[in-house]
Amino acid sequence: MPKTKKNKKCSRARQFLWYSFSVGSFGLRCITAITLLVIACKIQPLKNQARFFNSCVEESVEGSRSVSEAVSFCNGGS
């Protein structure tokens, strides 16, 4: 007697769970990407400020100041 293959179809509830999980996963990935983009945009001004500060310290050290005096000067001291 040959075995017949049963046509296994997922129930509607299982299909709904599968599709909702897929959509939820895709949504989470989109939210994560947007969050990383926002973090990168927030870090950019800090990077520019650090670059400016480092160049200020380097110029002050070249102008015959010690490193501690140059840092104090670039922080707003005299």
PDB file of N, CA and C in Angstrom:
ATOM      1  N   MET A   1       0.822  -1.171   0.000  1.00  0.00           N
ATOM      2  CA  MET A   1       0.000   0.000   0.000  1.00  0.00           C
ATOM      3  C   MET A   1       0.882   1.256   0.000  1.00  0.00           C
ATOM      4  N   PRO A   2       0.808   2.044  -1.025  1.00  0.00           N
ATOM      5  CA  PRO A   2       1.649   3.240  -1.078  1.00  0.00           C
ATOM      6  C   PRO A   2       1.144   4.316  -0.120  1.00  0.00           C
ATOM      7  N   LYS A   3       2.128   5.029   0.427  1.00  0.00           N
ATOM      8  CA  LYS A   3       1.772   6.113   1.348  1.00  0.00           C
ATOM      9  C   LYS A   3       1.432   7.355   0.528  1.00  0.00           C
ATOM     10  N   THR A   4       0.402   7.988   0.914  1.00  0.00           N
ATOM     11  CA  THR A   4       0.022   9.219   0.221  1.00  0.00           C
ATOM     12  C   THR A   4       0.531  10.406   1.016  1.00  0.00           C
ATOM     13  N   LYS A   5       0.967  11.389   0.285  1.00  0.00           N
ATOM     14  CA  LYS A   5       1.447  12.598   0.956  1.00  0.00           C
ATOM     15  C   LYS A   5       0.247  13.455   1.324  1.00  0.00           C
ATOM     16  N   LYS A   6       0.268  13.875   2.532  1.00  0.00           N
ATOM     17  CA  LYS A   6      -0.793  14.773   2.966  1.00  0.00           C
ATOM     18  C   LYS A   6      -0.388  16.200   2.614  1.00  0.00           C
ATOM     19  N   ASN A   7      -1.302  16.937   2.142  1.00  0.00           N
ATOM     20  CA  ASN A   7      -1.047  18.328   1.823  1.00  0.00           C
ATOM     21  C   ASN A   7      -1.116  19.121   3.122  1.00  0.00           C
ATOM     22  N   LYS A   8       0.068  19.479   3.630  1.00  0.00           N
ATOM     23  CA  LYS A   8       0.125  20.185   4.901  1.00  0.00           C
ATOM     24  C   LYS A   8       0.095  21.687   4.635  1.00  0.00           C
ATOM     25  N   LYS A   9      -0.993  22.286   4.974  1.00  0.00           N
ATOM     26  CA  LYS A   9      -1.105  23.730   4.864  1.00  0.00           C
ATOM     27  C   LYS A   9      -1.140  24.307   6.262  1.00  0.00           C
ATOM     28  N   CYS A  10      -0.542  25.445   6.387  1.00  0.00           N
ATOM     29  CA  CYS A  10      -0.574  26.117   7.680  1.00  0.00           C
ATOM     30  C   CYS A  10      -1.965  26.679   7.912  1.00  0.00           C
ATOM     31  N   SER A  11      -2.340  26.677   9.140  1.00  0.00           N
ATOM     32  CA  SER A  11      -3.638  27.250   9.470  1.00  0.00           C
ATOM     33  C   SER A  11      -3.560  28.768   9.340  1.00  0.00           C
ATOM     34  N   ARG A  12      -4.678  29.403   9.308  1.00  0.00           N
ATOM     35  CA  ARG A  12      -4.727  30.868   9.175  1.00  0.00           C
ATOM     36  C   ARG A  12      -4.050  31.538  10.366  1.00  0.00           C
ATOM     37  N   ALA A  13      -4.228  30.976  11.534  1.00  0.00           N
ATOM     38  CA  ALA A  13      -3.616  31.565  12.725  1.00  0.00           C
ATOM     39  C   ALA A  13      -2.091  31.501  12.634  1.00  0.00           C
ATOM     40  N   ARG A  14      -1.580  30.380  12.155  1.00  0.00           N
ATOM     41  CA  ARG A  14      -0.123  30.245  12.014  1.00  0.00           C
ATOM     42  C   ARG A  14       0.412  31.195  10.957  1.00  0.00           C
ATOM     43  N   GLN A  15      -0.294  31.319   9.860  1.00  0.00           N
ATOM     44  CA  GLN A  15       0.132  32.251   8.817  1.00  0.00           C
ATOM     45  C   GLN A  15       0.144  33.678   9.349  1.00  0.00           C
ATOM     46  N   PHE A  16      -0.908  34.027  10.093  1.00  0.00           N
ATOM     47  CA  PHE A  16      -0.966  35.362  10.668  1.00  0.00           C
ATOM     48  C   PHE A  16       0.205  35.605  11.604  1.00  0.00           C
ATOM     49  N   LEU A  17       0.532  34.644  12.458  1.00  0.00           N
ATOM     50  CA  LEU A  17       1.661  34.784  13.364  1.00  0.00           C
ATOM     51  C   LEU A  17       2.977  34.917  12.599  1.00  0.00           C
ATOM     52  N   TRP A  18       3.121  34.118  11.563  1.00  0.00           N
ATOM     53  CA  TRP A  18       4.339  34.164  10.763  1.00  0.00           C
ATOM     54  C   TRP A  18       4.518  35.530  10.105  1.00  0.00           C
ATOM     55  N   TYR A  19       3.460  36.026   9.475  1.00  0.00           N
ATOM     56  CA  TYR A  19       3.547  37.320   8.803  1.00  0.00           C
ATOM     57  C   TYR A  19       3.694  38.465   9.802  1.00  0.00           C
ATOM     58  N   SER A  20       3.019  38.386  10.920  1.00  0.00           N
ATOM     59  CA  SER A  20       3.156  39.451  11.912  1.00  0.00           C
ATOM     60  C   SER A  20       4.564  39.462  12.507  1.00  0.00           C
ATOM     61  N   PHE A  21       5.147  38.293  12.714  1.00  0.00           N
ATOM     62  CA  PHE A  21       6.527  38.235  13.195  1.00  0.00           C
ATOM     63  C   PHE A  21       7.484  38.831  12.165  1.00  0.00           C
ATOM     64  N   SER A  22       7.276  38.527  10.894  1.00  0.00           N
ATOM     65  CA  SER A  22       8.136  39.058   9.838  1.00  0.00           C
ATOM     66  C   SER A  22       8.025  40.577   9.752  1.00  0.00           C
ATOM     67  N   VAL A  23       6.802  41.074   9.797  1.00  0.00           N
ATOM     68  CA  VAL A  23       6.600  42.528   9.729  1.00  0.00           C
ATOM     69  C   VAL A  23       7.178  43.195  10.971  1.00  0.00           C
ATOM     70  N   GLY A  24       6.990  42.589  12.122  1.00  0.00           N
ATOM     71  CA  GLY A  24       7.550  43.143  13.348  1.00  0.00           C
ATOM     72  C   GLY A  24       9.064  43.178  13.322  1.00  0.00           C
ATOM     73  N   SER A  25       9.670  42.135  12.816  1.00  0.00           N
ATOM     74  CA  SER A  25      11.129  42.086  12.704  1.00  0.00           C
ATOM     75  C   SER A  25      11.635  43.166  11.759  1.00  0.00           C
ATOM     76  N   PHE A  26      10.953  43.333  10.641  1.00  0.00           N
ATOM     77  CA  PHE A  26      11.342  44.368   9.687  1.00  0.00           C
ATOM     78  C   PHE A  26      11.181  45.752  10.314  1.00  0.00           C
ATOM     79  N   GLY A  27      10.105  45.953  11.055  1.00  0.00           N
ATOM     80  CA  GLY A  27       9.879  47.229  11.721  1.00  0.00           C
ATOM     81  C   GLY A  27      10.958  47.540  12.742  1.00  0.00           C
ATOM     82  N   LEU A  28      11.359  46.527  13.506  1.00  0.00           N
ATOM     83  CA  LEU A  28      12.426  46.732  14.487  1.00  0.00           C
ATOM     84  C   LEU A  28      13.749  47.080  13.813  1.00  0.00           C
ATOM     85  N   ARG A  29      14.027  46.464  12.702  1.00  0.00           N
ATOM     86  CA  ARG A  29      15.264  46.788  11.982  1.00  0.00           C
ATOM     87  C   ARG A  29      15.236  48.223  11.459  1.00  0.00           C
ATOM     88  N   CYS A  30      14.085  48.667  10.999  1.00  0.00           N
ATOM     89  CA  CYS A  30      13.960  50.049  10.530  1.00  0.00           C
ATOM     90  C   CYS A  30      14.150  51.030  11.684  1.00  0.00           C
ATOM     91  N   ILE A  31      13.534  50.732  12.819  1.00  0.00           N
ATOM     92  CA  ILE A  31      13.686  51.602  13.986  1.00  0.00           C
ATOM     93  C   ILE A  31      15.143  51.653  14.438  1.00  0.00           C
ATOM     94  N   THR A  32      15.818  50.515  14.409  1.00  0.00           N
ATOM     95  CA  THR A  32      17.224  50.465  14.797  1.00  0.00           C
ATOM     96  C   THR A  32      18.082  51.295  13.853  1.00  0.00           C
ATOM     97  N   ALA A  33      17.822  51.198  12.562  1.00  0.00           N
ATOM     98  CA  ALA A  33      18.590  51.973  11.587  1.00  0.00           C
ATOM     99  C   ALA A  33      18.372  53.466  11.787  1.00  0.00           C
ATOM    100  N   ILE A  34      17.147  53.866  12.035  1.00  0.00           N
ATOM    101  CA  ILE A  34      16.854  55.285  12.262  1.00  0.00           C
ATOM    102  C   ILE A  34      17.530  55.767  13.541  1.00  0.00           C
ATOM    103  N   THR A  35      17.511  54.937  14.576  1.00  0.00           N
ATOM    104  CA  THR A  35      18.144  55.305  15.836  1.00  0.00           C
ATOM    105  C   THR A  35      19.647  55.489  15.666  1.00  0.00           C
ATOM    106  N   LEU A  36      20.276  54.592  14.936  1.00  0.00           N
ATOM    107  CA  LEU A  36      21.721  54.733  14.688  1.00  0.00           C
ATOM    108  C   LEU A  36      22.033  55.983  13.881  1.00  0.00           C
ATOM    109  N   LEU A  37      21.177  56.324  12.948  1.00  0.00           N
ATOM    110  CA  LEU A  37      21.371  57.547  12.162  1.00  0.00           C
ATOM    111  C   LEU A  37      21.258  58.780  13.057  1.00  0.00           C
ATOM    112  N   VAL A  38      20.296  58.784  13.968  1.00  0.00           N
ATOM    113  CA  VAL A  38      20.138  59.914  14.884  1.00  0.00           C
ATOM    114  C   VAL A  38      21.357  60.035  15.797  1.00  0.00           C
ATOM    115  N   ILE A  39      21.852  58.918  16.288  1.00  0.00           N
ATOM    116  CA  ILE A  39      23.043  58.943  17.148  1.00  0.00           C
ATOM    117  C   ILE A  39      24.236  59.497  16.385  1.00  0.00           C
ATOM    118  N   ALA A  40      24.401  59.084  15.137  1.00  0.00           N
ATOM    119  CA  ALA A  40      25.518  59.588  14.333  1.00  0.00           C
ATOM    120  C   ALA A  40      25.394  61.091  14.112  1.00  0.00           C
ATOM    121  N   CYS A  41      24.180  61.565  13.905  1.00  0.00           N
ATOM    122  CA  CYS A  41      23.971  63.011  13.713  1.00  0.00           C
ATOM    123  C   CYS A  41      24.251  63.789  14.992  1.00  0.00           C
ATOM    124  N   LYS A  42      23.962  63.189  16.138  1.00  0.00           N
ATOM    125  CA  LYS A  42      24.225  63.858  17.408  1.00  0.00           C
ATOM    126  C   LYS A  42      25.716  63.888  17.740  1.00  0.00           C
ATOM    127  N   ILE A  43      26.474  62.906  17.272  1.00  0.00           N
ATOM    128  CA  ILE A  43      27.908  62.836  17.567  1.00  0.00           C
ATOM    129  C   ILE A  43      28.717  63.783  16.682  1.00  0.00           C
ATOM    130  N   GLN A  44      28.231  64.105  15.512  1.00  0.00           N
ATOM    131  CA  GLN A  44      28.980  64.930  14.562  1.00  0.00           C
ATOM    132  C   GLN A  44      29.411  66.281  15.154  1.00  0.00           C
ATOM    133  N   PRO A  45      28.545  67.048  15.839  1.00  0.00           N
ATOM    134  CA  PRO A  45      29.013  68.308  16.419  1.00  0.00           C
ATOM    135  C   PRO A  45      30.098  68.117  17.471  1.00  0.00           C
ATOM    136  N   LEU A  46      30.018  67.038  18.246  1.00  0.00           N
ATOM    137  CA  LEU A  46      31.064  66.767  19.231  1.00  0.00           C
ATOM    138  C   LEU A  46      32.401  66.506  18.558  1.00  0.00           C
ATOM    139  N   LYS A  47      32.347  65.811  17.428  1.00  0.00           N
ATOM    140  CA  LYS A  47      33.568  65.537  16.679  1.00  0.00           C
ATOM    141  C   LYS A  47      34.188  66.839  16.175  1.00  0.00           C
ATOM    142  N   ASN A  48      33.353  67.722  15.658  1.00  0.00           N
ATOM    143  CA  ASN A  48      33.860  69.008  15.163  1.00  0.00           C
ATOM    144  C   ASN A  48      34.436  69.849  16.296  1.00  0.00           C
ATOM    145  N   GLN A  49      33.771  69.848  17.447  1.00  0.00           N
ATOM    146  CA  GLN A  49      34.261  70.607  18.588  1.00  0.00           C
ATOM    147  C   GLN A  49      35.597  70.057  19.080  1.00  0.00           C
ATOM    148  N   ALA A  50      35.729  68.739  19.103  1.00  0.00           N
ATOM    149  CA  ALA A  50      36.995  68.129  19.537  1.00  0.00           C
ATOM    150  C   ALA A  50      38.119  68.460  18.557  1.00  0.00           C
ATOM    151  N   ARG A  51      37.815  68.457  17.267  1.00  0.00           N
ATOM    152  CA  ARG A  51      38.828  68.800  16.270  1.00  0.00           C
ATOM    153  C   ARG A  51      39.280  70.248  16.449  1.00  0.00           C
ATOM    154  N   PHE A  52      38.322  71.150  16.683  1.00  0.00           N
ATOM    155  CA  PHE A  52      38.657  72.551  16.896  1.00  0.00           C
ATOM    156  C   PHE A  52      39.504  72.722  18.150  1.00  0.00           C
ATOM    157  N   PHE A  53      39.124  72.031  19.233  1.00  0.00           N
ATOM    158  CA  PHE A  53      39.872  72.119  20.483  1.00  0.00           C
ATOM    159  C   PHE A  53      41.301  71.608  20.299  1.00  0.00           C
ATOM    160  N   ASN A  54      41.453  70.483  19.613  1.00  0.00           N
ATOM    161  CA  ASN A  54      42.798  69.922  19.400  1.00  0.00           C
ATOM    162  C   ASN A  54      43.665  70.860  18.573  1.00  0.00           C
ATOM    163  N   SER A  55      43.080  71.478  17.556  1.00  0.00           N
ATOM    164  CA  SER A  55      43.871  72.412  16.749  1.00  0.00           C
ATOM    165  C   SER A  55      44.239  73.642  17.567  1.00  0.00           C
ATOM    166  N   CYS A  56      43.353  74.087  18.445  1.00  0.00           N
ATOM    167  CA  CYS A  56      43.656  75.224  19.312  1.00  0.00           C
ATOM    168  C   CYS A  56      44.825  74.895  20.242  1.00  0.00           C
ATOM    169  N   VAL A  57      44.800  73.701  20.826  1.00  0.00           N
ATOM    170  CA  VAL A  57      45.886  73.292  21.729  1.00  0.00           C
ATOM    171  C   VAL A  57      47.199  73.181  20.957  1.00  0.00           C
ATOM    172  N   GLU A  58      47.156  72.591  19.773  1.00  0.00           N
ATOM    173  CA  GLU A  58      48.391  72.455  18.982  1.00  0.00           C
ATOM    174  C   GLU A  58      48.972  73.810  18.609  1.00  0.00           C
ATOM    175  N   GLU A  59      48.126  74.745  18.217  1.00  0.00           N
ATOM    176  CA  GLU A  59      48.621  76.088  17.873  1.00  0.00           C
ATOM    177  C   GLU A  59      49.183  76.799  19.099  1.00  0.00           C
ATOM    178  N   SER A  60      48.558  76.607  20.245  1.00  0.00           N
ATOM    179  CA  SER A  60      49.037  77.256  21.459  1.00  0.00           C
ATOM    180  C   SER A  60      50.364  76.663  21.916  1.00  0.00           C
ATOM    181  N   VAL A  61      50.527  75.350  21.751  1.00  0.00           N
ATOM    182  CA  VAL A  61      51.798  74.717  22.125  1.00  0.00           C
ATOM    183  C   VAL A  61      52.909  75.195  21.190  1.00  0.00           C
ATOM    184  N   GLU A  62      52.594  75.357  19.921  1.00  0.00           N
ATOM    185  CA  GLU A  62      53.593  75.877  18.976  1.00  0.00           C
ATOM    186  C   GLU A  62      53.946  77.323  19.288  1.00  0.00           C
ATOM    187  N   GLY A  63      53.054  78.037  19.932  1.00  0.00           N
ATOM    188  CA  GLY A  63      53.294  79.437  20.296  1.00  0.00           C
ATOM    189  C   GLY A  63      53.985  79.566  21.637  1.00  0.00           C
ATOM    190  N   SER A  64      54.814  78.642  21.983  1.00  0.00           N
ATOM    191  CA  SER A  64      55.664  78.619  23.184  1.00  0.00           C
ATOM    192  C   SER A  64      54.873  78.617  24.490  1.00  0.00           C
ATOM    193  N   ARG A  65      53.803  77.843  24.557  1.00  0.00           N
ATOM    194  CA  ARG A  65      53.078  77.616  25.803  1.00  0.00           C
ATOM    195  C   ARG A  65      53.233  76.146  26.177  1.00  0.00           C
ATOM    196  N   SER A  66      53.138  75.858  27.462  1.00  0.00           N
ATOM    197  CA  SER A  66      53.149  74.453  27.881  1.00  0.00           C
ATOM    198  C   SER A  66      51.789  73.848  27.548  1.00  0.00           C
ATOM    199  N   VAL A  67      51.717  72.537  27.607  1.00  0.00           N
ATOM    200  CA  VAL A  67      50.479  71.853  27.247  1.00  0.00           C
ATOM    201  C   VAL A  67      49.367  72.230  28.223  1.00  0.00           C
ATOM    202  N   SER A  68      49.685  72.290  29.514  1.00  0.00           N
ATOM    203  CA  SER A  68      48.652  72.640  30.495  1.00  0.00           C
ATOM    204  C   SER A  68      48.160  74.068  30.304  1.00  0.00           C
ATOM    205  N   GLU A  69      49.054  74.993  29.971  1.00  0.00           N
ATOM    206  CA  GLU A  69      48.645  76.372  29.699  1.00  0.00           C
ATOM    207  C   GLU A  69      47.795  76.445  28.432  1.00  0.00           C
ATOM    208  N   ALA A  70      48.151  75.654  27.432  1.00  0.00           N
ATOM    209  CA  ALA A  70      47.405  75.661  26.179  1.00  0.00           C
ATOM    210  C   ALA A  70      45.995  75.117  26.396  1.00  0.00           C
ATOM    211  N   VAL A  71      45.865  74.061  27.198  1.00  0.00           N
ATOM    212  CA  VAL A  71      44.540  73.499  27.482  1.00  0.00           C
ATOM    213  C   VAL A  71      43.706  74.504  28.258  1.00  0.00           C
ATOM    214  N   SER A  72      44.304  75.157  29.218  1.00  0.00           N
ATOM    215  CA  SER A  72      43.599  76.169  29.998  1.00  0.00           C
ATOM    216  C   SER A  72      43.153  77.319  29.098  1.00  0.00           C
ATOM    217  N   PHE A  73      44.027  77.763  28.217  1.00  0.00           N
ATOM    218  CA  PHE A  73      43.686  78.842  27.293  1.00  0.00           C
ATOM    219  C   PHE A  73      42.536  78.461  26.372  1.00  0.00           C
ATOM    220  N   CYS A  74      42.563  77.238  25.833  1.00  0.00           N
ATOM    221  CA  CYS A  74      41.522  76.802  24.903  1.00  0.00           C
ATOM    222  C   CYS A  74      40.205  76.533  25.613  1.00  0.00           C
ATOM    223  N   ASN A  75      40.240  76.305  26.931  1.00  0.00           N
ATOM    224  CA  ASN A  75      39.013  76.135  27.693  1.00  0.00           C
ATOM    225  C   ASN A  75      38.394  77.467  28.094  1.00  0.00           C
ATOM    226  N   GLY A  76      39.039  78.560  27.749  1.00  0.00           N
ATOM    227  CA  GLY A  76      38.484  79.870  28.055  1.00  0.00           C
ATOM    228  C   GLY A  76      39.256  80.622  29.112  1.00  0.00           C
ATOM    229  N   GLY A  77      40.323  80.039  29.605  1.00  0.00           N
ATOM    230  CA  GLY A  77      41.147  80.729  30.579  1.00  0.00           C
ATOM    231  C   GLY A  77      42.045  81.744  29.894  1.00  0.00           C
ATOM    232  N   SER A  78      42.828  82.457  30.659  1.00  0.00           N
ATOM    233  CA  SER A  78      43.694  83.496  30.059  1.00  0.00           C
ATOM    234  C   SER A  78      45.050  82.973  29.728  1.00  0.00           C
TER     235      SER A  78
END
